[in-house]
Amino acid sequence: MYNLIFRGPAYGSSGYATAARNFLLNLHSTGDYHIVLDALPWISGFSISESKEILLLLKEMETNRSLSEDTTLLHWTVGSEFKGNLGCQRAIGHTIFETSSLNRSFVEGCNTMDAIMVPTEFNQQTFRQAGVKKPIFIVPEGVNTERFNPEGSTLSVIPSKFTFLSVANLSYRKGVDLI
């Protein structure tokens, strides 16, 4: 059994929080990890699509504090918030950045960790070129195939006029200039 402190936004409805929660729950489901949740407060609320059982499981992980000295910290947040191992034997940071360069605080935060996990080869190359010296591993994020699958309805003809719905923060980073 591996000892793990998972530090991330497990309760939010943001993309970061949803990915963090799903990763955490999948680690838990293997039965290979003794997990302590150190939930970061992100102001995005709890996802209403999660069950009461999931919420109770997350709360239980928060109260489960007994770990041995051989503990790994998995810090799931933006790279500028990484602060090293925080007393753990190893520290792994998981982060993502959707641009072709990183600011200095992001690089500095990543370099306080023992290793970095990113979801894409693009991120790996960008982080390396920006100056991240630690090992960078690609761990692709999964897709909920029960929710997102090709069995849904399709358009037989694409209309000449349509309404486009974007569900995201209206910011340049999210591509609002492209809508």
Foldseek 3Di string as FASTA:
>chain_A
DAEEEEEEACFAPDPLNVLSVVVVVVVVVVVPYLYAYNHDDDPHGGDPVDDPVSVVVNVVSNVSPDDDQAYEYEYRDQQLPADAGPSHPFYEYEHEADDQEDDPSSLVSLQRGQEYEYADPSRVVSSVVRPNPHHYHHDHGDDDCVVDHPPDDDDPDDDPDDDDDDDDPCDVSVPVVVD
